[in-house]
Amino acid sequence: DLDGAARRLRAALGAARALGSVRKTLWTLIAFARLELGRGRPEASASLLARVVEHPGADALLRQRAAGLARDLEGASGGEGGDAPEAAGDSAAGTGGRSLDEAVSALLAGGADV
């Protein structure tokens, strides 16, 4: 049930924000990216992954997980090779100019445009 998963992820994201935990927020964004891929929304997935990869608080493990999902995303979209984190998008195109906080706010509000 993708809608139920989205509700649970929103709850986790809200808790991460309330705790002020950037690391938990980034992990939850990776989970949201996987959900968006499952919903057939590769652009939304790529946008979320770009935020994780670009964030200065992302450690090696977070970047590695995001890169793995970016490779899955490339495979699902029939993309050509290249650097997996970059496949998620660059600063301007990948995130549509939105900050991490704006993306989190949009997800918490149930918005589809991340």
PDB file of N, CA and C in Angstrom:
ATOM      1  N   ASP A   1       0.847  -1.180   0.000  1.00  0.00           N
ATOM      2  CA  ASP A   1       0.000   0.000   0.000  1.00  0.00           C
ATOM      3  C   ASP A   1       0.894   1.246   0.000  1.00  0.00           C
ATOM      4  N   LEU A   2       1.051   1.872  -1.156  1.00  0.00           N
ATOM      5  CA  LEU A   2       1.939   3.021  -1.295  1.00  0.00           C
ATOM      6  C   LEU A   2       1.454   4.248  -0.531  1.00  0.00           C
ATOM      7  N   ASP A   3       0.142   4.424  -0.462  1.00  0.00           N
ATOM      8  CA  ASP A   3      -0.394   5.563   0.303  1.00  0.00           C
ATOM      9  C   ASP A   3      -0.095   5.411   1.790  1.00  0.00           C
ATOM     10  N   GLY A   4      -0.232   4.199   2.303  1.00  0.00           N
ATOM     11  CA  GLY A   4       0.091   3.938   3.705  1.00  0.00           C
ATOM     12  C   GLY A   4       1.572   4.150   3.980  1.00  0.00           C
ATOM     13  N   ALA A   5       2.408   3.722   3.043  1.00  0.00           N
ATOM     14  CA  ALA A   5       3.849   3.927   3.195  1.00  0.00           C
ATOM     15  C   ALA A   5       4.175   5.418   3.215  1.00  0.00           C
ATOM     16  N   ALA A   6       3.510   6.181   2.348  1.00  0.00           N
ATOM     17  CA  ALA A   6       3.743   7.631   2.316  1.00  0.00           C
ATOM     18  C   ALA A   6       3.342   8.279   3.643  1.00  0.00           C
ATOM     19  N   ARG A   7       2.229   7.837   4.214  1.00  0.00           N
ATOM     20  CA  ARG A   7       1.807   8.379   5.518  1.00  0.00           C
ATOM     21  C   ARG A   7       2.844   8.077   6.595  1.00  0.00           C
ATOM     22  N   ARG A   8       3.334   6.848   6.609  1.00  0.00           N
ATOM     23  CA  ARG A   8       4.340   6.481   7.613  1.00  0.00           C
ATOM     24  C   ARG A   8       5.648   7.258   7.407  1.00  0.00           C
ATOM     25  N   LEU A   9       6.024   7.449   6.164  1.00  0.00           N
ATOM     26  CA  LEU A   9       7.241   8.215   5.890  1.00  0.00           C
ATOM     27  C   LEU A   9       7.070   9.683   6.280  1.00  0.00           C
ATOM     28  N   ARG A  10       5.874  10.233   6.057  1.00  0.00           N
ATOM     29  CA  ARG A  10       5.618  11.612   6.487  1.00  0.00           C
ATOM     30  C   ARG A  10       5.752  11.727   8.005  1.00  0.00           C
ATOM     31  N   ALA A  11       5.234  10.730   8.726  1.00  0.00           N
ATOM     32  CA  ALA A  11       5.360  10.735  10.191  1.00  0.00           C
ATOM     33  C   ALA A  11       6.834  10.678  10.602  1.00  0.00           C
ATOM     34  N   ALA A  12       7.615   9.845   9.940  1.00  0.00           N
ATOM     35  CA  ALA A  12       9.046   9.734  10.245  1.00  0.00           C
ATOM     36  C   ALA A  12       9.767  11.041   9.910  1.00  0.00           C
ATOM     37  N   LEU A  13       9.391  11.644   8.799  1.00  0.00           N
ATOM     38  CA  LEU A  13      10.008  12.906   8.397  1.00  0.00           C
ATOM     39  C   LEU A  13       9.675  14.015   9.391  1.00  0.00           C
ATOM     40  N   GLY A  14       8.431  14.046   9.847  1.00  0.00           N
ATOM     41  CA  GLY A  14       8.030  15.028  10.851  1.00  0.00           C
ATOM     42  C   GLY A  14       8.798  14.844  12.147  1.00  0.00           C
ATOM     43  N   ALA A  15       8.991  13.593  12.542  1.00  0.00           N
ATOM     44  CA  ALA A  15       9.751  13.315  13.765  1.00  0.00           C
ATOM     45  C   ALA A  15      11.212  13.729  13.600  1.00  0.00           C
ATOM     46  N   ALA A  16      11.802  13.440  12.444  1.00  0.00           N
ATOM     47  CA  ALA A  16      13.193  13.821  12.196  1.00  0.00           C
ATOM     48  C   ALA A  16      13.350  15.335  12.244  1.00  0.00           C
ATOM     49  N   ARG A  17      12.382  16.043  11.651  1.00  0.00           N
ATOM     50  CA  ARG A  17      12.432  17.510  11.660  1.00  0.00           C
ATOM     51  C   ARG A  17      12.283  18.025  13.100  1.00  0.00           C
ATOM     52  N   ALA A  18      11.338  17.462  13.847  1.00  0.00           N
ATOM     53  CA  ALA A  18      11.110  17.905  15.228  1.00  0.00           C
ATOM     54  C   ALA A  18      12.358  17.688  16.094  1.00  0.00           C
ATOM     55  N   LEU A  19      13.077  16.604  15.819  1.00  0.00           N
ATOM     56  CA  LEU A  19      14.307  16.317  16.561  1.00  0.00           C
ATOM     57  C   LEU A  19      15.488  17.154  16.083  1.00  0.00           C
ATOM     58  N   GLY A  20      15.328  17.768  14.912  1.00  0.00           N
ATOM     59  CA  GLY A  20      16.431  18.531  14.333  1.00  0.00           C
ATOM     60  C   GLY A  20      17.530  17.647  13.783  1.00  0.00           C
ATOM     61  N   SER A  21      17.169  16.427  13.401  1.00  0.00           N
ATOM     62  CA  SER A  21      18.157  15.469  12.916  1.00  0.00           C
ATOM     63  C   SER A  21      18.255  15.494  11.388  1.00  0.00           C
ATOM     64  N   VAL A  22      19.309  16.122  10.905  1.00  0.00           N
ATOM     65  CA  VAL A  22      19.527  16.178   9.457  1.00  0.00           C
ATOM     66  C   VAL A  22      19.764  14.773   8.913  1.00  0.00           C
ATOM     67  N   ARG A  23      20.523  13.986   9.631  1.00  0.00           N
ATOM     68  CA  ARG A  23      20.830  12.619   9.168  1.00  0.00           C
ATOM     69  C   ARG A  23      19.550  11.797   9.006  1.00  0.00           C
ATOM     70  N   LYS A  24      18.671  11.828   9.991  1.00  0.00           N
ATOM     71  CA  LYS A  24      17.408  11.081   9.887  1.00  0.00           C
ATOM     72  C   LYS A  24      16.539  11.649   8.763  1.00  0.00           C
ATOM     73  N   THR A  25      16.568  12.953   8.586  1.00  0.00           N
ATOM     74  CA  THR A  25      15.817  13.572   7.492  1.00  0.00           C
ATOM     75  C   THR A  25      16.328  13.068   6.150  1.00  0.00           C
ATOM     76  N   LEU A  26      17.645  13.023   5.974  1.00  0.00           N
ATOM     77  CA  LEU A  26      18.218  12.559   4.708  1.00  0.00           C
ATOM     78  C   LEU A  26      17.907  11.088   4.453  1.00  0.00           C
ATOM     79  N   TRP A  27      17.964  10.257   5.498  1.00  0.00           N
ATOM     80  CA  TRP A  27      17.605   8.845   5.335  1.00  0.00           C
ATOM     81  C   TRP A  27      16.140   8.705   4.922  1.00  0.00           C
ATOM     82  N   THR A  28      15.296   9.535   5.500  1.00  0.00           N
ATOM     83  CA  THR A  28      13.873   9.475   5.158  1.00  0.00           C
ATOM     84  C   THR A  28      13.651   9.948   3.720  1.00  0.00           C
ATOM     85  N   LEU A  29      14.426  10.915   3.258  1.00  0.00           N
ATOM     86  CA  LEU A  29      14.309  11.349   1.864  1.00  0.00           C
ATOM     87  C   LEU A  29      14.696  10.230   0.901  1.00  0.00           C
ATOM     88  N   ILE A  30      15.679   9.427   1.275  1.00  0.00           N
ATOM     89  CA  ILE A  30      16.040   8.282   0.435  1.00  0.00           C
ATOM     90  C   ILE A  30      14.860   7.306   0.369  1.00  0.00           C
ATOM     91  N   ALA A  31      14.209   7.077   1.497  1.00  0.00           N
ATOM     92  CA  ALA A  31      13.039   6.193   1.514  1.00  0.00           C
ATOM     93  C   ALA A  31      11.919   6.772   0.650  1.00  0.00           C
ATOM     94  N   PHE A  32      11.706   8.082   0.734  1.00  0.00           N
ATOM     95  CA  PHE A  32      10.707   8.734  -0.115  1.00  0.00           C
ATOM     96  C   PHE A  32      11.084   8.588  -1.589  1.00  0.00           C
ATOM     97  N   ALA A  33      12.370   8.693  -1.908  1.00  0.00           N
ATOM     98  CA  ALA A  33      12.811   8.552  -3.295  1.00  0.00           C
ATOM     99  C   ALA A  33      12.481   7.155  -3.823  1.00  0.00           C
ATOM    100  N   ARG A  34      12.683   6.135  -2.989  1.00  0.00           N
ATOM    101  CA  ARG A  34      12.336   4.766  -3.385  1.00  0.00           C
ATOM    102  C   ARG A  34      10.828   4.642  -3.599  1.00  0.00           C
ATOM    103  N   LEU A  35      10.049   5.271  -2.728  1.00  0.00           N
ATOM    104  CA  LEU A  35       8.600   5.257  -2.864  1.00  0.00           C
ATOM    105  C   LEU A  35       8.179   5.929  -4.174  1.00  0.00           C
ATOM    106  N   GLU A  36       8.770   7.071  -4.479  1.00  0.00           N
ATOM    107  CA  GLU A  36       8.423   7.781  -5.711  1.00  0.00           C
ATOM    108  C   GLU A  36       8.790   6.954  -6.937  1.00  0.00           C
ATOM    109  N   LEU A  37       9.888   6.248  -6.867  1.00  0.00           N
ATOM    110  CA  LEU A  37      10.254   5.357  -7.972  1.00  0.00           C
ATOM    111  C   LEU A  37       9.205   4.269  -8.129  1.00  0.00           C
ATOM    112  N   GLY A  38       8.735   3.714  -7.013  1.00  0.00           N
ATOM    113  CA  GLY A  38       7.686   2.699  -7.044  1.00  0.00           C
ATOM    114  C   GLY A  38       6.370   3.223  -7.583  1.00  0.00           C
ATOM    115  N   ARG A  39       6.145   4.510  -7.409  1.00  0.00           N
ATOM    116  CA  ARG A  39       4.923   5.142  -7.927  1.00  0.00           C
ATOM    117  C   ARG A  39       5.043   5.522  -9.402  1.00  0.00           C
ATOM    118  N   GLY A  40       6.210   5.247  -9.985  1.00  0.00           N
ATOM    119  CA  GLY A  40       6.414   5.600 -11.384  1.00  0.00           C
ATOM    120  C   GLY A  40       6.729   7.066 -11.591  1.00  0.00           C
ATOM    121  N   ARG A  41       7.336   7.689 -10.584  1.00  0.00           N
ATOM    122  CA  ARG A  41       7.681   9.112 -10.661  1.00  0.00           C
ATOM    123  C   ARG A  41       9.202   9.272 -10.549  1.00  0.00           C
ATOM    124  N   PRO A  42       9.926   8.904 -11.608  1.00  0.00           N
ATOM    125  CA  PRO A  42      11.391   8.962 -11.531  1.00  0.00           C
ATOM    126  C   PRO A  42      11.946  10.369 -11.355  1.00  0.00           C
ATOM    127  N   GLU A  43      11.253  11.382 -11.871  1.00  0.00           N
ATOM    128  CA  GLU A  43      11.749  12.758 -11.717  1.00  0.00           C
ATOM    129  C   GLU A  43      11.720  13.179 -10.247  1.00  0.00           C
ATOM    130  N   ALA A  44      10.646  12.849  -9.560  1.00  0.00           N
ATOM    131  CA  ALA A  44      10.550  13.174  -8.131  1.00  0.00           C
ATOM    132  C   ALA A  44      11.608  12.409  -7.347  1.00  0.00           C
ATOM    133  N   SER A  45      11.820  11.153  -7.713  1.00  0.00           N
ATOM    134  CA  SER A  45      12.838  10.346  -7.052  1.00  0.00           C
ATOM    135  C   SER A  45      14.221  10.963  -7.255  1.00  0.00           C
ATOM    136  N   ALA A  46      14.520  11.351  -8.479  1.00  0.00           N
ATOM    137  CA  ALA A  46      15.828  11.949  -8.779  1.00  0.00           C
ATOM    138  C   ALA A  46      16.027  13.257  -8.024  1.00  0.00           C
ATOM    139  N   SER A  47      14.973  14.046  -7.908  1.00  0.00           N
ATOM    140  CA  SER A  47      15.063  15.317  -7.202  1.00  0.00           C
ATOM    141  C   SER A  47      15.395  15.099  -5.723  1.00  0.00           C
ATOM    142  N   LEU A  48      14.748  14.135  -5.107  1.00  0.00           N
ATOM    143  CA  LEU A  48      15.026  13.834  -3.705  1.00  0.00           C
ATOM    144  C   LEU A  48      16.445  13.309  -3.519  1.00  0.00           C
ATOM    145  N   LEU A  49      16.875  12.433  -4.415  1.00  0.00           N
ATOM    146  CA  LEU A  49      18.232  11.885  -4.317  1.00  0.00           C
ATOM    147  C   LEU A  49      19.276  12.979  -4.492  1.00  0.00           C
ATOM    148  N   ALA A  50      19.000  13.932  -5.379  1.00  0.00           N
ATOM    149  CA  ALA A  50      19.942  15.039  -5.574  1.00  0.00           C
ATOM    150  C   ALA A  50      20.107  15.835  -4.288  1.00  0.00           C
ATOM    151  N   ARG A  51      19.019  16.052  -3.576  1.00  0.00           N
ATOM    152  CA  ARG A  51      19.108  16.793  -2.310  1.00  0.00           C
ATOM    153  C   ARG A  51      19.994  16.057  -1.312  1.00  0.00           C
ATOM    154  N   VAL A  52      19.862  14.741  -1.260  1.00  0.00           N
ATOM    155  CA  VAL A  52      20.681  13.954  -0.334  1.00  0.00           C
ATOM    156  C   VAL A  52      22.150  14.044  -0.724  1.00  0.00           C
ATOM    157  N   VAL A  53      22.445  13.789  -1.991  1.00  0.00           N
ATOM    158  CA  VAL A  53      23.830  13.767  -2.458  1.00  0.00           C
ATOM    159  C   VAL A  53      24.501  15.128  -2.275  1.00  0.00           C
ATOM    160  N   GLU A  54      23.754  16.197  -2.502  1.00  0.00           N
ATOM    161  CA  GLU A  54      24.309  17.544  -2.447  1.00  0.00           C
ATOM    162  C   GLU A  54      24.410  18.097  -1.027  1.00  0.00           C
ATOM    163  N   HIS A  55      23.732  17.506  -0.090  1.00  0.00           N
ATOM    164  CA  HIS A  55      23.682  18.085   1.255  1.00  0.00           C
ATOM    165  C   HIS A  55      25.019  17.895   1.979  1.00  0.00           C
ATOM    166  N   PRO A  56      25.536  18.955   2.587  1.00  0.00           N
ATOM    167  CA  PRO A  56      26.821  18.832   3.289  1.00  0.00           C
ATOM    168  C   PRO A  56      26.770  17.894   4.490  1.00  0.00           C
ATOM    169  N   GLY A  57      25.581  17.610   5.011  1.00  0.00           N
ATOM    170  CA  GLY A  57      25.456  16.705   6.149  1.00  0.00           C
ATOM    171  C   GLY A  57      25.397  15.237   5.764  1.00  0.00           C
ATOM    172  N   ALA A  58      25.428  14.961   4.464  1.00  0.00           N
ATOM    173  CA  ALA A  58      25.360  13.566   4.005  1.00  0.00           C
ATOM    174  C   ALA A  58      26.728  12.913   4.150  1.00  0.00           C
ATOM    175  N   ASP A  59      26.778  11.832   4.905  1.00  0.00           N
ATOM    176  CA  ASP A  59      28.034  11.109   5.071  1.00  0.00           C
ATOM    177  C   ASP A  59      28.192  10.085   3.947  1.00  0.00           C
ATOM    178  N   ALA A  60      29.276   9.344   3.987  1.00  0.00           N
ATOM    179  CA  ALA A  60      29.587   8.391   2.919  1.00  0.00           C
ATOM    180  C   ALA A  60      28.505   7.327   2.771  1.00  0.00           C
ATOM    181  N   LEU A  61      27.962   6.835   3.870  1.00  0.00           N
ATOM    182  CA  LEU A  61      26.943   5.796   3.796  1.00  0.00           C
ATOM    183  C   LEU A  61      25.665   6.321   3.137  1.00  0.00           C
ATOM    184  N   LEU A  62      25.248   7.538   3.510  1.00  0.00           N
ATOM    185  CA  LEU A  62      24.066   8.145   2.886  1.00  0.00           C
ATOM    186  C   LEU A  62      24.290   8.325   1.382  1.00  0.00           C
ATOM    187  N   ARG A  63      25.455   8.843   1.025  1.00  0.00           N
ATOM    188  CA  ARG A  63      25.757   9.055  -0.403  1.00  0.00           C
ATOM    189  C   ARG A  63      25.800   7.732  -1.159  1.00  0.00           C
ATOM    190  N   GLN A  64      26.352   6.698  -0.526  1.00  0.00           N
ATOM    191  CA  GLN A  64      26.418   5.379  -1.158  1.00  0.00           C
ATOM    192  C   GLN A  64      25.011   4.828  -1.391  1.00  0.00           C
ATOM    193  N   ARG A  65      24.133   4.940  -0.413  1.00  0.00           N
ATOM    194  CA  ARG A  65      22.759   4.452  -0.555  1.00  0.00           C
ATOM    195  C   ARG A  65      22.021   5.239  -1.644  1.00  0.00           C
ATOM    196  N   ALA A  66      22.201   6.554  -1.660  1.00  0.00           N
ATOM    197  CA  ALA A  66      21.569   7.386  -2.678  1.00  0.00           C
ATOM    198  C   ALA A  66      22.097   7.028  -4.065  1.00  0.00           C
ATOM    199  N   ALA A  67      23.392   6.758  -4.161  1.00  0.00           N
ATOM    200  CA  ALA A  67      23.983   6.375  -5.449  1.00  0.00           C
ATOM    201  C   ALA A  67      23.422   5.041  -5.931  1.00  0.00           C
ATOM    202  N   GLY A  68      23.227   4.106  -5.012  1.00  0.00           N
ATOM    203  CA  GLY A  68      22.647   2.817  -5.391  1.00  0.00           C
ATOM    204  C   GLY A  68      21.237   2.968  -5.927  1.00  0.00           C
ATOM    205  N   LEU A  69      20.437   3.800  -5.280  1.00  0.00           N
ATOM    206  CA  LEU A  69      19.076   4.035  -5.753  1.00  0.00           C
ATOM    207  C   LEU A  69      19.094   4.799  -7.075  1.00  0.00           C
ATOM    208  N   ALA A  70      20.055   5.713  -7.235  1.00  0.00           N
ATOM    209  CA  ALA A  70      20.174   6.438  -8.508  1.00  0.00           C
ATOM    210  C   ALA A  70      20.483   5.467  -9.644  1.00  0.00           C
ATOM    211  N   ARG A  71      21.287   4.439  -9.361  1.00  0.00           N
ATOM    212  CA  ARG A  71      21.557   3.413 -10.389  1.00  0.00           C
ATOM    213  C   ARG A  71      20.280   2.645 -10.718  1.00  0.00           C
ATOM    214  N   ASP A  72      19.492   2.318  -9.697  1.00  0.00           N
ATOM    215  CA  ASP A  72      18.195   1.666  -9.934  1.00  0.00           C
ATOM    216  C   ASP A  72      17.299   2.559 -10.780  1.00  0.00           C
ATOM    217  N   LEU A  73      17.330   3.828 -10.485  1.00  0.00           N
ATOM    218  CA  LEU A  73      16.531   4.813 -11.207  1.00  0.00           C
ATOM    219  C   LEU A  73      16.956   4.862 -12.673  1.00  0.00           C
ATOM    220  N   GLU A  74      18.257   4.873 -12.909  1.00  0.00           N
ATOM    221  CA  GLU A  74      18.758   4.856 -14.287  1.00  0.00           C
ATOM    222  C   GLU A  74      18.296   3.611 -15.014  1.00  0.00           C
ATOM    223  N   GLY A  75      18.379   2.472 -14.331  1.00  0.00           N
ATOM    224  CA  GLY A  75      17.958   1.218 -14.957  1.00  0.00           C
ATOM    225  C   GLY A  75      16.476   1.216 -15.278  1.00  0.00           C
ATOM    226  N   ALA A  76      15.678   1.764 -14.372  1.00  0.00           N
ATOM    227  CA  ALA A  76      14.228   1.796 -14.581  1.00  0.00           C
ATOM    228  C   ALA A  76      13.841   2.734 -15.707  1.00  0.00           C
ATOM    229  N   SER A  77      14.635   3.792 -15.891  1.00  0.00           N
ATOM    230  CA  SER A  77      14.290   4.766 -16.923  1.00  0.00           C
ATOM    231  C   SER A  77      15.037   4.494 -18.221  1.00  0.00           C
ATOM    232  N   GLY A  78      15.836   3.417 -18.249  1.00  0.00           N
ATOM    233  CA  GLY A  78      16.579   3.087 -19.460  1.00  0.00           C
ATOM    234  C   GLY A  78      17.701   4.059 -19.727  1.00  0.00           C
ATOM    235  N   GLY A  79      18.166   4.734 -18.641  1.00  0.00           N
ATOM    236  CA  GLY A  79      19.227   5.734 -18.793  1.00  0.00           C
ATOM    237  C   GLY A  79      20.546   5.098 -19.151  1.00  0.00           C
ATOM    238  N   GLU A  80      21.416   5.950 -19.645  1.00  0.00           N
ATOM    239  CA  GLU A  80      22.755   5.492 -19.982  1.00  0.00           C
ATOM    240  C   GLU A  80      23.632   5.676 -18.769  1.00  0.00           C
ATOM    241  N   GLY A  81      24.769   5.009 -18.749  1.00  0.00           N
ATOM    242  CA  GLY A  81      25.687   5.001 -17.623  1.00  0.00           C
ATOM    243  C   GLY A  81      25.954   6.354 -17.031  1.00  0.00           C
ATOM    244  N   GLY A  82      27.139   6.562 -16.529  1.00  0.00           N
ATOM    245  CA  GLY A  82      27.487   7.837 -15.932  1.00  0.00           C
ATOM    246  C   GLY A  82      27.601   7.710 -14.431  1.00  0.00           C
ATOM    247  N   ASP A  83      27.945   8.794 -13.825  1.00  0.00           N
ATOM    248  CA  ASP A  83      28.113   8.811 -12.388  1.00  0.00           C
ATOM    249  C   ASP A  83      26.749   8.779 -11.708  1.00  0.00           C
ATOM    250  N   ALA A  84      26.503   7.790 -10.889  1.00  0.00           N
ATOM    251  CA  ALA A  84      25.171   7.596 -10.313  1.00  0.00           C
ATOM    252  C   ALA A  84      24.666   8.784  -9.503  1.00  0.00           C
ATOM    253  N   PRO A  85      25.470   9.382  -8.611  1.00  0.00           N
ATOM    254  CA  PRO A  85      24.930  10.525  -7.893  1.00  0.00           C
ATOM    255  C   PRO A  85      24.557  11.679  -8.822  1.00  0.00           C
ATOM    256  N   GLU A  86      25.362  11.906  -9.854  1.00  0.00           N
ATOM    257  CA  GLU A  86      25.031  12.964 -10.800  1.00  0.00           C
ATOM    258  C   GLU A  86      23.779  12.624 -11.578  1.00  0.00           C
ATOM    259  N   ALA A  87      23.482  11.332 -11.734  1.00  0.00           N
ATOM    260  CA  ALA A  87      22.268  10.934 -12.449  1.00  0.00           C
ATOM    261  C   ALA A  87      21.035  11.422 -11.724  1.00  0.00           C
ATOM    262  N   ALA A  88      21.165  11.683 -10.444  1.00  0.00           N
ATOM    263  CA  ALA A  88      20.035  12.194  -9.672  1.00  0.00           C
ATOM    264  C   ALA A  88      19.779  13.660  -9.969  1.00  0.00           C
ATOM    265  N   GLY A  89      20.709  14.326 -10.599  1.00  0.00           N
ATOM    266  CA  GLY A  89      20.516  15.722 -10.980  1.00  0.00           C
ATOM    267  C   GLY A  89      21.571  16.614 -10.375  1.00  0.00           C
ATOM    268  N   ASP A  90      21.797  17.758 -11.013  1.00  0.00           N
ATOM    269  CA  ASP A  90      22.762  18.698 -10.459  1.00  0.00           C
ATOM    270  C   ASP A  90      22.043  19.734  -9.610  1.00  0.00           C
ATOM    271  N   SER A  91      22.780  20.657  -9.044  1.00  0.00           N
ATOM    272  CA  SER A  91      22.196  21.603  -8.096  1.00  0.00           C
ATOM    273  C   SER A  91      21.023  22.369  -8.675  1.00  0.00           C
ATOM    274  N   ALA A  92      21.146  22.854  -9.879  1.00  0.00           N
ATOM    275  CA  ALA A  92      20.078  23.674 -10.445  1.00  0.00           C
ATOM    276  C   ALA A  92      18.926  22.819 -10.954  1.00  0.00           C
ATOM    277  N   ALA A  93      19.229  21.810 -11.746  1.00  0.00           N
ATOM    278  CA  ALA A  93      18.166  21.025 -12.373  1.00  0.00           C
ATOM    279  C   ALA A  93      17.596  19.966 -11.444  1.00  0.00           C
ATOM    280  N   GLY A  94      18.441  19.311 -10.670  1.00  0.00           N
ATOM    281  CA  GLY A  94      17.996  18.192  -9.857  1.00  0.00           C
ATOM    282  C   GLY A  94      17.028  18.566  -8.752  1.00  0.00           C
ATOM    283  N   THR A  95      17.194  19.746  -8.188  1.00  0.00           N
ATOM    284  CA  THR A  95      16.348  20.114  -7.064  1.00  0.00           C
ATOM    285  C   THR A  95      15.353  21.212  -7.410  1.00  0.00           C
ATOM    286  N   GLY A  96      15.363  21.657  -8.644  1.00  0.00           N
ATOM    287  CA  GLY A  96      14.430  22.702  -9.048  1.00  0.00           C
ATOM    288  C   GLY A  96      14.612  23.979  -8.238  1.00  0.00           C
ATOM    289  N   GLY A  97      15.819  24.173  -7.676  1.00  0.00           N
ATOM    290  CA  GLY A  97      16.088  25.382  -6.916  1.00  0.00           C
ATOM    291  C   GLY A  97      15.527  25.375  -5.502  1.00  0.00           C
ATOM    292  N   ARG A  98      14.901  24.296  -5.098  1.00  0.00           N
ATOM    293  CA  ARG A  98      14.318  24.225  -3.751  1.00  0.00           C
ATOM    294  C   ARG A  98      15.349  23.791  -2.734  1.00  0.00           C
ATOM    295  N   SER A  99      15.216  24.326  -1.531  1.00  0.00           N
ATOM    296  CA  SER A  99      16.095  23.928  -0.445  1.00  0.00           C
ATOM    297  C   SER A  99      15.594  22.621   0.168  1.00  0.00           C
ATOM    298  N   LEU A 100      16.434  22.038   0.993  1.00  0.00           N
ATOM    299  CA  LEU A 100      16.035  20.826   1.704  1.00  0.00           C
ATOM    300  C   LEU A 100      14.802  21.096   2.556  1.00  0.00           C
ATOM    301  N   ASP A 101      14.785  22.220   3.251  1.00  0.00           N
ATOM    302  CA  ASP A 101      13.658  22.548   4.112  1.00  0.00           C
ATOM    303  C   ASP A 101      12.372  22.703   3.304  1.00  0.00           C
ATOM    304  N   GLU A 102      12.461  23.315   2.133  1.00  0.00           N
ATOM    305  CA  GLU A 102      11.272  23.470   1.284  1.00  0.00           C
ATOM    306  C   GLU A 102      10.758  22.112   0.811  1.00  0.00           C
ATOM    307  N   ALA A 103      11.675  21.221   0.460  1.00  0.00           N
ATOM    308  CA  ALA A 103      11.267  19.885   0.024  1.00  0.00           C
ATOM    309  C   ALA A 103      10.603  19.125   1.166  1.00  0.00           C
ATOM    310  N   VAL A 104      11.177  19.231   2.360  1.00  0.00           N
ATOM    311  CA  VAL A 104      10.598  18.561   3.526  1.00  0.00           C
ATOM    312  C   VAL A 104       9.202  19.118   3.805  1.00  0.00           C
ATOM    313  N   SER A 105       9.068  20.426   3.738  1.00  0.00           N
ATOM    314  CA  SER A 105       7.753  21.048   3.967  1.00  0.00           C
ATOM    315  C   SER A 105       6.736  20.556   2.949  1.00  0.00           C
ATOM    316  N   ALA A 106       7.136  20.450   1.684  1.00  0.00           N
ATOM    317  CA  ALA A 106       6.231  19.974   0.634  1.00  0.00           C
ATOM    318  C   ALA A 106       5.816  18.524   0.895  1.00  0.00           C
ATOM    319  N   LEU A 107       6.765  17.686   1.293  1.00  0.00           N
ATOM    320  CA  LEU A 107       6.448  16.288   1.582  1.00  0.00           C
ATOM    321  C   LEU A 107       5.517  16.175   2.793  1.00  0.00           C
ATOM    322  N   LEU A 108       5.786  16.957   3.812  1.00  0.00           N
ATOM    323  CA  LEU A 108       4.953  16.905   5.012  1.00  0.00           C
ATOM    324  C   LEU A 108       3.536  17.365   4.723  1.00  0.00           C
ATOM    325  N   ALA A 109       3.399  18.270   3.753  1.00  0.00           N
ATOM    326  CA  ALA A 109       2.070  18.772   3.379  1.00  0.00           C
ATOM    327  C   ALA A 109       1.359  17.811   2.428  1.00  0.00           C
ATOM    328  N   GLY A 110       2.052  16.724   2.074  1.00  0.00           N
ATOM    329  CA  GLY A 110       1.440  15.747   1.177  1.00  0.00           C
ATOM    330  C   GLY A 110       1.563  16.130  -0.285  1.00  0.00           C
ATOM    331  N   GLY A 111       2.418  17.111  -0.567  1.00  0.00           N
ATOM    332  CA  GLY A 111       2.590  17.560  -1.941  1.00  0.00           C
ATOM    333  C   GLY A 111       3.313  16.545  -2.787  1.00  0.00           C
ATOM    334  N   ALA A 112       2.923  16.481  -4.055  1.00  0.00           N
ATOM    335  CA  ALA A 112       3.553  15.559  -4.988  1.00  0.00           C
ATOM    336  C   ALA A 112       4.746  16.221  -5.681  1.00  0.00           C
ATOM    337  N   ASP A 113       4.816  17.552  -5.666  1.00  0.00           N
ATOM    338  CA  ASP A 113       5.865  18.265  -6.354  1.00  0.00           C
ATOM    339  C   ASP A 113       7.013  18.520  -5.385  1.00  0.00           C
ATOM    340  N   VAL A 114       8.012  17.636  -5.424  1.00  0.00           N
ATOM    341  CA  VAL A 114       9.143  17.777  -4.524  1.00  0.00           C
ATOM    342  C   VAL A 114      10.341  18.253  -5.304  1.00  0.00           C
TER     343      VAL A 114
END
